[in-house]
Amino acid sequence: MDTQHLKDGLIAAHTALVEKIGKQPYLPANLLLCNAGLWQVGGCYLDRGMKNRVSGPRCDTPEDAIAGFMDKIHAMPSEAELDLIQFRELLSAAIDFGSERGIEAKWVNPVIETARALASNALPPAEGVR
């Protein structure tokens, strides 16, 4: 693979990531030569707070590193799935807050029922994102 093919592979991975998360990442991915001569696509942060980082596996060749990063992108939850995961987390925090502060059951119980309904259709946690 020549330099242009590496560039094209990184552009394709970036495009796939933008389509998956519905926005530009805060910092784009880079092709890195790591310790021990292994290649990795990394350094990609999805948000300004730099809490959500996406990196591919370390591989023997830059081509494999780009392919591994693309596999990681395809395995990520979509923007809508991430929103639902975040909603579940916020709902759980609201239930905990209500319980800890002694909020009346008539207010907390409907939230608990909503959480149960979501749990029956639960999504797995976002792998590699957080």
N, C-alpha and C. Protein backbone atom coordinates (compact mmCIF):
# COMPACT_ATOMS: atom_id res chain seq x y z
N MET A 1 0.86 -1.17 0.00
CA MET A 1 0.00 0.00 0.00
C MET A 1 0.90 1.24 0.00
N ASP A 2 0.65 2.16 -0.92
CA ASP A 2 1.45 3.37 -0.95
C ASP A 2 0.81 4.46 -0.09
N THR A 3 1.46 5.61 -0.04
CA THR A 3 1.00 6.71 0.82
C THR A 3 -0.42 7.12 0.49
N GLN A 4 -0.76 7.21 -0.79
CA GLN A 4 -2.10 7.63 -1.18
C GLN A 4 -3.15 6.64 -0.69
N HIS A 5 -2.84 5.35 -0.74
CA HIS A 5 -3.79 4.35 -0.24
C HIS A 5 -3.98 4.47 1.27
N LEU A 6 -2.92 4.79 1.99
CA LEU A 6 -3.04 5.01 3.44
C LEU A 6 -3.92 6.23 3.72
N LYS A 7 -3.70 7.30 2.98
CA LYS A 7 -4.53 8.50 3.13
C LYS A 7 -5.99 8.17 2.84
N ASP A 8 -6.22 7.47 1.74
CA ASP A 8 -7.59 7.11 1.37
C ASP A 8 -8.24 6.24 2.44
N GLY A 9 -7.48 5.31 3.02
CA GLY A 9 -8.01 4.46 4.07
C GLY A 9 -8.39 5.25 5.31
N LEU A 10 -7.55 6.21 5.68
CA LEU A 10 -7.86 7.05 6.85
C LEU A 10 -9.06 7.95 6.58
N ILE A 11 -9.17 8.48 5.37
CA ILE A 11 -10.33 9.31 5.02
C ILE A 11 -11.60 8.48 5.06
N ALA A 12 -11.54 7.26 4.54
CA ALA A 12 -12.71 6.38 4.57
C ALA A 12 -13.11 6.06 6.00
N ALA A 13 -12.12 5.81 6.87
CA ALA A 13 -12.41 5.52 8.28
C ALA A 13 -13.02 6.75 8.96
N HIS A 14 -12.48 7.92 8.66
CA HIS A 14 -13.02 9.16 9.25
C HIS A 14 -14.46 9.37 8.79
N THR A 15 -14.72 9.16 7.52
CA THR A 15 -16.08 9.31 6.99
C THR A 15 -17.03 8.34 7.66
N ALA A 16 -16.61 7.09 7.83
CA ALA A 16 -17.45 6.09 8.50
C ALA A 16 -17.72 6.48 9.95
N LEU A 17 -16.72 7.04 10.62
CA LEU A 17 -16.89 7.46 12.01
C LEU A 17 -17.90 8.61 12.10
N VAL A 18 -17.78 9.59 11.21
CA VAL A 18 -18.71 10.73 11.21
C VAL A 18 -20.14 10.24 10.97
N GLU A 19 -20.30 9.30 10.04
CA GLU A 19 -21.63 8.75 9.78
C GLU A 19 -22.16 8.01 11.01
N LYS A 20 -21.29 7.32 11.72
CA LYS A 20 -21.71 6.54 12.89
C LYS A 20 -22.12 7.42 14.05
N ILE A 21 -21.32 8.46 14.34
CA ILE A 21 -21.60 9.29 15.52
C ILE A 21 -22.41 10.54 15.20
N GLY A 22 -22.61 10.83 13.92
CA GLY A 22 -23.46 11.94 13.52
C GLY A 22 -22.82 13.32 13.65
N LYS A 23 -21.50 13.36 13.80
CA LYS A 23 -20.81 14.65 13.91
C LYS A 23 -19.31 14.42 13.68
N GLN A 24 -18.59 15.52 13.54
CA GLN A 24 -17.14 15.44 13.43
C GLN A 24 -16.57 15.12 14.82
N PRO A 25 -15.56 14.27 14.91
CA PRO A 25 -14.92 14.07 16.20
C PRO A 25 -14.19 15.34 16.62
N TYR A 26 -13.99 15.51 17.91
CA TYR A 26 -13.28 16.69 18.41
C TYR A 26 -11.84 16.68 17.90
N LEU A 27 -11.17 15.54 17.99
CA LEU A 27 -9.84 15.36 17.41
C LEU A 27 -9.90 14.15 16.49
N PRO A 28 -9.38 14.27 15.28
CA PRO A 28 -9.43 13.15 14.34
C PRO A 28 -8.43 12.05 14.70
N ALA A 29 -8.62 10.91 14.08
CA ALA A 29 -7.71 9.79 14.28
C ALA A 29 -6.40 10.02 13.53
N ASN A 30 -5.37 9.39 14.02
CA ASN A 30 -4.03 9.46 13.42
C ASN A 30 -3.48 8.06 13.26
N LEU A 31 -2.69 7.88 12.24
CA LEU A 31 -1.96 6.63 12.07
C LEU A 31 -0.65 6.76 12.82
N LEU A 32 -0.44 5.89 13.80
CA LEU A 32 0.71 5.99 14.69
C LEU A 32 1.59 4.75 14.58
N LEU A 33 2.88 4.96 14.68
CA LEU A 33 3.83 3.86 14.82
C LEU A 33 4.17 3.78 16.30
N CYS A 34 3.71 2.73 16.95
CA CYS A 34 3.85 2.59 18.40
C CYS A 34 5.15 1.86 18.76
N ASN A 35 5.34 1.68 20.05
CA ASN A 35 6.49 0.90 20.53
C ASN A 35 6.47 -0.48 19.91
N ALA A 36 7.62 -1.07 19.79
CA ALA A 36 7.80 -2.41 19.25
C ALA A 36 7.43 -2.50 17.77
N GLY A 37 7.36 -1.35 17.10
CA GLY A 37 7.11 -1.35 15.66
C GLY A 37 5.71 -1.70 15.24
N LEU A 38 4.74 -1.56 16.14
CA LEU A 38 3.35 -1.85 15.79
C LEU A 38 2.63 -0.58 15.38
N TRP A 39 1.68 -0.72 14.46
CA TRP A 39 0.90 0.40 13.95
C TRP A 39 -0.46 0.43 14.61
N GLN A 40 -0.99 1.64 14.78
CA GLN A 40 -2.32 1.80 15.38
C GLN A 40 -2.95 3.09 14.85
N VAL A 41 -4.25 3.03 14.63
CA VAL A 41 -5.01 4.25 14.37
C VAL A 41 -5.57 4.65 15.72
N GLY A 42 -5.17 5.81 16.21
CA GLY A 42 -5.59 6.22 17.55
C GLY A 42 -5.64 7.73 17.68
N GLY A 43 -5.81 8.16 18.92
CA GLY A 43 -5.85 9.59 19.20
C GLY A 43 -7.13 10.27 18.80
N CYS A 44 -8.17 9.50 18.58
CA CYS A 44 -9.45 10.05 18.12
C CYS A 44 -10.37 10.27 19.33
N TYR A 45 -10.69 11.52 19.59
CA TYR A 45 -11.59 11.86 20.69
C TYR A 45 -12.92 12.34 20.12
N LEU A 46 -14.00 11.79 20.62
CA LEU A 46 -15.32 12.09 20.08
C LEU A 46 -15.91 13.39 20.62
N ASP A 47 -15.46 13.81 21.79
CA ASP A 47 -16.07 14.98 22.42
C ASP A 47 -15.02 15.95 22.93
N ARG A 48 -15.45 17.17 23.14
CA ARG A 48 -14.55 18.23 23.58
C ARG A 48 -13.94 17.94 24.95
N GLY A 49 -14.67 17.25 25.81
CA GLY A 49 -14.16 16.90 27.13
C GLY A 49 -13.09 15.82 27.07
N MET A 50 -12.87 15.26 25.89
CA MET A 50 -11.87 14.22 25.64
C MET A 50 -12.05 13.02 26.58
N LYS A 51 -13.32 12.67 26.84
CA LYS A 51 -13.62 11.50 27.67
C LYS A 51 -13.85 10.27 26.80
N ASN A 52 -14.32 10.48 25.60
CA ASN A 52 -14.67 9.37 24.71
C ASN A 52 -13.62 9.25 23.61
N ARG A 53 -12.77 8.24 23.75
CA ARG A 53 -11.65 8.04 22.81
C ARG A 53 -11.88 6.74 22.06
N VAL A 54 -11.55 6.77 20.78
CA VAL A 54 -11.66 5.57 19.95
C VAL A 54 -10.30 5.30 19.33
N SER A 55 -9.82 4.09 19.51
CA SER A 55 -8.56 3.66 18.91
C SER A 55 -8.73 2.25 18.37
N GLY A 56 -7.99 1.95 17.35
CA GLY A 56 -8.01 0.61 16.79
C GLY A 56 -6.95 -0.25 17.46
N PRO A 57 -6.86 -1.51 17.05
CA PRO A 57 -5.86 -2.41 17.63
C PRO A 57 -4.46 -2.09 17.10
N ARG A 58 -3.47 -2.53 17.82
CA ARG A 58 -2.09 -2.43 17.35
C ARG A 58 -1.83 -3.60 16.40
N CYS A 59 -1.26 -3.29 15.26
CA CYS A 59 -1.09 -4.29 14.20
C CYS A 59 0.32 -4.22 13.60
N ASP A 60 0.67 -5.24 12.86
CA ASP A 60 2.00 -5.32 12.25
C ASP A 60 2.15 -4.37 11.07
N THR A 61 1.07 -4.06 10.37
CA THR A 61 1.16 -3.19 9.20
C THR A 61 0.18 -2.02 9.33
N PRO A 62 0.48 -0.91 8.65
CA PRO A 62 -0.46 0.22 8.69
C PRO A 62 -1.81 -0.14 8.06
N GLU A 63 -1.79 -0.98 7.05
CA GLU A 63 -3.04 -1.40 6.40
C GLU A 63 -3.94 -2.15 7.39
N ASP A 64 -3.32 -3.05 8.16
CA ASP A 64 -4.09 -3.81 9.16
C ASP A 64 -4.62 -2.89 10.26
N ALA A 65 -3.82 -1.87 10.62
CA ALA A 65 -4.25 -0.92 11.64
C ALA A 65 -5.48 -0.15 11.17
N ILE A 66 -5.47 0.28 9.92
CA ILE A 66 -6.62 1.00 9.37
C ILE A 66 -7.84 0.07 9.30
N ALA A 67 -7.64 -1.16 8.86
CA ALA A 67 -8.75 -2.12 8.80
C ALA A 67 -9.30 -2.41 10.20
N GLY A 68 -8.42 -2.53 11.19
CA GLY A 68 -8.87 -2.78 12.56
C GLY A 68 -9.65 -1.60 13.13
N PHE A 69 -9.23 -0.38 12.79
CA PHE A 69 -9.95 0.81 13.22
C PHE A 69 -11.33 0.85 12.57
N MET A 70 -11.39 0.49 11.30
CA MET A 70 -12.68 0.45 10.60
C MET A 70 -13.60 -0.59 11.24
N ASP A 71 -13.06 -1.74 11.61
CA ASP A 71 -13.86 -2.77 12.30
C ASP A 71 -14.40 -2.22 13.62
N LYS A 72 -13.57 -1.48 14.34
CA LYS A 72 -13.97 -0.88 15.62
C LYS A 72 -15.13 0.10 15.40
N ILE A 73 -15.05 0.90 14.35
CA ILE A 73 -16.11 1.85 14.03
C ILE A 73 -17.41 1.11 13.73
N HIS A 74 -17.33 0.08 12.92
CA HIS A 74 -18.55 -0.67 12.57
C HIS A 74 -19.18 -1.34 13.78
N ALA A 75 -18.38 -1.69 14.78
CA ALA A 75 -18.89 -2.34 15.99
C ALA A 75 -19.48 -1.34 17.00
N MET A 76 -19.19 -0.06 16.80
CA MET A 76 -19.68 0.96 17.74
C MET A 76 -21.19 1.12 17.62
N PRO A 77 -21.85 1.50 18.72
CA PRO A 77 -23.28 1.80 18.63
C PRO A 77 -23.50 3.07 17.82
N SER A 78 -24.66 3.18 17.22
CA SER A 78 -25.00 4.37 16.45
C SER A 78 -25.27 5.55 17.38
N GLU A 79 -25.42 6.72 16.79
CA GLU A 79 -25.72 7.92 17.58
C GLU A 79 -27.02 7.72 18.38
N ALA A 80 -28.03 7.13 17.74
CA ALA A 80 -29.31 6.90 18.44
C ALA A 80 -29.14 5.91 19.58
N GLU A 81 -28.33 4.86 19.37
CA GLU A 81 -28.08 3.89 20.43
C GLU A 81 -27.32 4.53 21.59
N LEU A 82 -26.35 5.40 21.27
CA LEU A 82 -25.61 6.11 22.32
C LEU A 82 -26.53 7.03 23.12
N ASP A 83 -27.46 7.69 22.42
CA ASP A 83 -28.42 8.54 23.11
C ASP A 83 -29.28 7.72 24.07
N LEU A 84 -29.70 6.54 23.64
CA LEU A 84 -30.51 5.68 24.51
C LEU A 84 -29.71 5.20 25.71
N ILE A 85 -28.45 4.87 25.49
CA ILE A 85 -27.58 4.45 26.59
C ILE A 85 -27.43 5.59 27.59
N GLN A 86 -27.20 6.80 27.10
CA GLN A 86 -27.06 7.95 27.99
C GLN A 86 -28.38 8.22 28.72
N PHE A 87 -29.50 8.07 28.03
CA PHE A 87 -30.80 8.27 28.67
C PHE A 87 -30.99 7.27 29.81
N ARG A 88 -30.62 6.00 29.57
CA ARG A 88 -30.72 4.99 30.63
C ARG A 88 -29.87 5.37 31.83
N GLU A 89 -28.66 5.86 31.57
CA GLU A 89 -27.78 6.26 32.67
C GLU A 89 -28.37 7.42 33.46
N LEU A 90 -28.93 8.40 32.76
CA LEU A 90 -29.55 9.55 33.44
C LEU A 90 -30.79 9.12 34.21
N LEU A 91 -31.55 8.21 33.64
CA LEU A 91 -32.74 7.69 34.32
C LEU A 91 -32.35 6.97 35.60
N SER A 92 -31.30 6.18 35.53
CA SER A 92 -30.80 5.48 36.71
C SER A 92 -30.34 6.47 37.78
N ALA A 93 -29.68 7.52 37.35
CA ALA A 93 -29.23 8.55 38.30
C ALA A 93 -30.42 9.24 38.95
N ALA A 94 -31.49 9.47 38.18
CA ALA A 94 -32.69 10.10 38.73
C ALA A 94 -33.34 9.20 39.78
N ILE A 95 -33.38 7.90 39.51
CA ILE A 95 -33.95 6.95 40.48
C ILE A 95 -33.12 6.94 41.75
N ASP A 96 -31.81 6.88 41.60
CA ASP A 96 -30.92 6.90 42.77
C ASP A 96 -31.10 8.19 43.56
N PHE A 97 -31.16 9.31 42.86
CA PHE A 97 -31.34 10.60 43.52
C PHE A 97 -32.65 10.62 44.32
N GLY A 98 -33.74 10.16 43.68
CA GLY A 98 -35.04 10.13 44.35
C GLY A 98 -35.02 9.25 45.58
N SER A 99 -34.40 8.09 45.46
CA SER A 99 -34.33 7.16 46.60
C SER A 99 -33.49 7.73 47.74
N GLU A 100 -32.35 8.32 47.40
CA GLU A 100 -31.45 8.87 48.41
C GLU A 100 -32.06 10.07 49.13
N ARG A 101 -32.88 10.83 48.43
CA ARG A 101 -33.44 12.05 49.00
C ARG A 101 -34.86 11.87 49.55
N GLY A 102 -35.36 10.65 49.51
CA GLY A 102 -36.68 10.37 50.06
C GLY A 102 -37.83 10.98 49.26
N ILE A 103 -37.66 11.09 47.96
CA ILE A 103 -38.75 11.59 47.10
C ILE A 103 -39.91 10.59 47.15
N GLU A 104 -41.11 11.10 47.19
CA GLU A 104 -42.30 10.25 47.32
C GLU A 104 -42.36 9.21 46.20
N ALA A 105 -42.86 8.02 46.56
CA ALA A 105 -42.95 6.90 45.63
C ALA A 105 -43.79 7.24 44.41
N LYS A 106 -44.82 8.08 44.58
CA LYS A 106 -45.68 8.39 43.43
C LYS A 106 -44.89 9.08 42.31
N TRP A 107 -43.74 9.70 42.65
CA TRP A 107 -42.91 10.34 41.63
C TRP A 107 -41.81 9.40 41.14
N VAL A 108 -41.29 8.59 42.02
CA VAL A 108 -40.17 7.71 41.65
C VAL A 108 -40.65 6.45 40.93
N ASN A 109 -41.79 5.89 41.35
CA ASN A 109 -42.25 4.63 40.76
C ASN A 109 -42.46 4.68 39.25
N PRO A 110 -43.05 5.74 38.68
CA PRO A 110 -43.16 5.76 37.21
C PRO A 110 -41.81 5.77 36.51
N VAL A 111 -40.83 6.40 37.14
CA VAL A 111 -39.49 6.42 36.56
C VAL A 111 -38.89 5.02 36.61
N ILE A 112 -39.14 4.31 37.71
CA ILE A 112 -38.66 2.93 37.84
C ILE A 112 -39.30 2.04 36.77
N GLU A 113 -40.58 2.22 36.51
CA GLU A 113 -41.28 1.42 35.48
C GLU A 113 -40.70 1.71 34.09
N THR A 114 -40.38 2.96 33.84
CA THR A 114 -39.76 3.31 32.56
C THR A 114 -38.39 2.63 32.45
N ALA A 115 -37.64 2.64 33.53
CA ALA A 115 -36.32 1.99 33.54
C ALA A 115 -36.46 0.49 33.30
N ARG A 116 -37.47 -0.12 33.88
CA ARG A 116 -37.69 -1.57 33.67
C ARG A 116 -38.02 -1.85 32.21
N ALA A 117 -38.86 -1.01 31.62
CA ALA A 117 -39.22 -1.20 30.21
C ALA A 117 -37.98 -1.07 29.33
N LEU A 118 -37.12 -0.12 29.64
CA LEU A 118 -35.87 0.03 28.88
C LEU A 118 -34.96 -1.16 29.09
N ALA A 119 -34.91 -1.68 30.30
CA ALA A 119 -34.04 -2.82 30.60
C ALA A 119 -34.47 -4.06 29.84
N SER A 120 -35.75 -4.21 29.59
CA SER A 120 -36.21 -5.38 28.86
C SER A 120 -35.80 -5.33 27.39
N ASN A 121 -35.48 -4.13 26.91
CA ASN A 121 -34.99 -3.95 25.54
C ASN A 121 -33.57 -3.38 25.56
N ALA A 122 -32.81 -3.79 26.56
CA ALA A 122 -31.51 -3.18 26.84
C ALA A 122 -30.52 -3.33 25.70
N LEU A 123 -29.72 -2.30 25.54
CA LEU A 123 -28.59 -2.31 24.64
C LEU A 123 -27.34 -2.59 25.46
N PRO A 124 -26.37 -3.27 24.87
CA PRO A 124 -25.12 -3.47 25.63
C PRO A 124 -24.38 -2.15 25.77
N PRO A 125 -23.52 -2.02 26.76
CA PRO A 125 -22.74 -0.79 26.91
C PRO A 125 -21.89 -0.56 25.66
N ALA A 126 -21.62 0.67 25.38
CA ALA A 126 -20.82 1.03 24.22
C ALA A 126 -19.38 0.57 24.43
N GLU A 127 -18.93 -0.33 23.56
CA GLU A 127 -17.57 -0.84 23.68
C GLU A 127 -16.58 0.16 23.12
N GLY A 128 -15.57 0.44 23.86
CA GLY A 128 -14.53 1.32 23.39
C GLY A 128 -14.90 2.79 23.41
N VAL A 129 -16.06 3.10 23.90
CA VAL A 129 -16.51 4.49 23.97
C VAL A 129 -16.91 4.79 25.38
N ARG A 130 -16.38 5.83 25.91
CA ARG A 130 -16.65 6.37 27.25
C ARG A 130 -15.41 6.96 27.78
